[in-house]
Amino acid sequence: MAYYSLLKQFHLATIALTLALFVLRGVWMMANSPRLQARWVRIVPHVNDALLLSSGFGLAVLIQQYPLVHGWLTAKFFALILYIVLGTFALKRGKTRFQRIAAWIAALLVFGYMAAVAIAHDPFPFMR
């Protein structure tokens, strides 16, 4: 059980770092900051996200609950895909500033949904 607790704490830390980096990059995007092009900004979020996904996969195996089998993890899985797509439009693929900002806000809302699903273990966490 100690392994589970340690892995969960690591997963939560990578979630916090993912959110912090996404918010920071969004602020820089809105400010047209050249910092967004810094090498570490293009590398660190991807490394952290890989660790986040790996720890999430490890937790799913440990608790024996899997996407496409358990509703709450299925909801998180599809929300994660949406978050990634919105994030790429927010930080790279959005053609206009308005599109990038709208995608960034939408991605933050999806992130909040994923957090609520994870806490409630329910795909409809706001229906309680």
Protein backbone atom coordinates (compact mmCIF):
# COMPACT_ATOMS: atom_id res chain seq x y z
CA MET A 1 0.00 0.00 0.00
CA ALA A 2 2.96 2.32 0.55
CA TYR A 3 3.78 2.00 -3.15
CA TYR A 4 0.24 3.09 -4.05
CA SER A 5 0.45 6.11 -1.76
CA LEU A 6 3.83 7.16 -3.14
CA LEU A 7 2.66 6.73 -6.74
CA LYS A 8 -0.52 8.69 -6.02
CA GLN A 9 1.47 11.57 -4.48
CA PHE A 10 3.79 11.58 -7.49
CA HIS A 11 0.77 11.60 -9.83
CA LEU A 12 -0.77 14.53 -7.94
CA ALA A 13 2.52 16.43 -8.11
CA THR A 14 2.74 15.94 -11.88
CA ILE A 15 -0.88 17.11 -12.20
CA ALA A 16 -0.07 20.28 -10.27
CA LEU A 17 3.00 20.90 -12.42
CA THR A 18 1.02 20.27 -15.61
CA LEU A 19 -1.59 22.81 -14.58
CA ALA A 20 1.01 25.39 -13.51
CA LEU A 21 2.94 25.03 -16.77
CA PHE A 22 -0.23 25.19 -18.88
CA VAL A 23 -1.42 28.33 -17.10
CA LEU A 24 2.02 29.93 -17.44
CA ARG A 25 2.26 29.09 -21.14
CA GLY A 26 -1.27 30.42 -21.66
CA VAL A 27 -0.39 33.71 -19.99
CA TRP A 28 2.73 33.95 -22.15
CA MET A 29 0.66 33.13 -25.24
CA MET A 30 -1.78 35.94 -24.44
CA ALA A 31 1.11 38.35 -23.85
CA ASN A 32 2.89 37.28 -27.07
CA SER A 33 5.94 36.56 -24.94
CA PRO A 34 9.08 35.21 -26.59
CA ARG A 35 9.49 33.05 -23.47
CA LEU A 36 7.03 30.64 -25.05
CA GLN A 37 9.78 29.71 -27.53
CA ALA A 38 12.40 28.93 -24.87
CA ARG A 39 13.84 25.44 -25.23
CA TRP A 40 12.90 24.32 -21.72
CA VAL A 41 9.30 25.44 -22.33
CA ARG A 42 9.12 23.12 -25.32
CA ILE A 43 10.66 20.15 -23.44
CA VAL A 44 9.72 20.19 -19.73
CA PRO A 45 5.92 20.05 -20.18
CA HIS A 46 6.21 17.00 -22.43
CA VAL A 47 8.51 15.19 -20.02
CA ASN A 48 6.17 15.99 -17.12
CA ASP A 49 3.11 14.90 -19.11
CA ALA A 50 4.79 11.59 -19.95
CA LEU A 51 5.44 11.05 -16.23
CA LEU A 52 1.84 12.05 -15.48
CA LEU A 53 0.44 9.54 -17.97
CA SER A 54 2.79 6.80 -16.76
CA SER A 55 1.86 7.31 -13.14
CA GLY A 56 -1.84 7.41 -14.07
CA PHE A 57 -1.47 4.13 -15.93
CA GLY A 58 0.35 2.65 -12.93
CA LEU A 59 -2.42 3.76 -10.57
CA ALA A 60 -5.08 2.26 -12.85
CA VAL A 61 -3.25 -1.06 -12.79
CA LEU A 62 -2.82 -0.94 -9.00
CA ILE A 63 -6.48 -0.21 -8.31
CA GLN A 64 -7.55 -2.54 -11.15
CA GLN A 65 -9.83 -0.01 -12.80
CA TYR A 66 -9.41 0.71 -16.47
CA PRO A 67 -10.66 3.15 -19.12
CA LEU A 68 -13.40 1.71 -21.34
CA VAL A 69 -14.31 -0.64 -18.45
CA HIS A 70 -15.03 1.74 -15.58
CA GLY A 71 -17.15 4.81 -16.32
CA TRP A 72 -15.19 7.39 -14.39
CA LEU A 73 -11.86 6.41 -15.99
CA THR A 74 -13.50 6.30 -19.41
CA ALA A 75 -14.74 9.86 -18.84
CA LYS A 76 -11.25 10.96 -17.77
CA PHE A 77 -9.70 9.23 -20.78
CA PHE A 78 -11.90 11.02 -23.31
CA ALA A 79 -11.64 14.31 -21.40
CA LEU A 80 -7.85 13.94 -21.53
CA ILE A 81 -7.95 13.57 -25.30
CA LEU A 82 -10.13 16.69 -25.53
CA TYR A 83 -7.77 18.56 -23.16
CA ILE A 84 -4.77 17.66 -25.34
CA VAL A 85 -6.52 18.76 -28.54
CA LEU A 86 -7.67 22.04 -26.98
CA GLY A 87 -4.18 22.59 -25.54
CA THR A 88 -2.56 22.24 -28.94
CA PHE A 89 -5.00 24.77 -30.39
CA ALA A 90 -4.38 27.09 -27.44
CA LEU A 91 -0.61 27.03 -27.67
CA LYS A 92 0.20 26.18 -31.29
CA ARG A 93 -2.54 25.56 -33.82
CA GLY A 94 -5.04 28.32 -33.13
CA LYS A 95 -5.03 30.65 -36.12
CA THR A 96 -6.18 33.76 -34.28
CA ARG A 97 -5.53 35.10 -30.82
CA PHE A 98 -9.23 34.74 -30.01
CA GLN A 99 -9.19 31.05 -31.02
CA ARG A 100 -6.10 30.41 -28.90
CA ILE A 101 -7.56 32.13 -25.83
CA ALA A 102 -10.93 30.38 -26.25
CA ALA A 103 -9.18 27.00 -26.57
CA TRP A 104 -7.03 27.76 -23.52
CA ILE A 105 -10.09 28.59 -21.39
CA ALA A 106 -11.93 25.52 -22.69
CA ALA A 107 -8.89 23.33 -21.89
CA LEU A 108 -8.83 24.70 -18.32
CA LEU A 109 -12.53 23.86 -17.94
CA VAL A 110 -11.89 20.32 -19.19
CA PHE A 111 -8.96 20.05 -16.76
CA GLY A 112 -11.32 21.03 -13.92
CA TYR A 113 -13.80 18.41 -15.08
CA MET A 114 -11.08 15.74 -15.06
CA ALA A 115 -10.09 16.72 -11.52
CA ALA A 116 -13.72 16.55 -10.36
CA VAL A 117 -14.16 13.12 -11.98
CA ALA A 118 -10.99 11.88 -10.30
CA ILE A 119 -12.11 13.08 -6.88
CA ALA A 120 -15.67 11.76 -7.18
CA HIS A 121 -14.85 8.59 -9.17
CA ASP A 122 -17.98 9.50 -11.09
CA PRO A 123 -18.30 10.57 -14.76
CA PHE A 124 -21.02 13.05 -13.69
CA PRO A 125 -19.36 14.70 -10.68
CA PHE A 126 -21.57 17.80 -10.74
CA MET A 127 -24.86 15.89 -10.63
CA ARG A 128 -24.66 15.14 -6.91
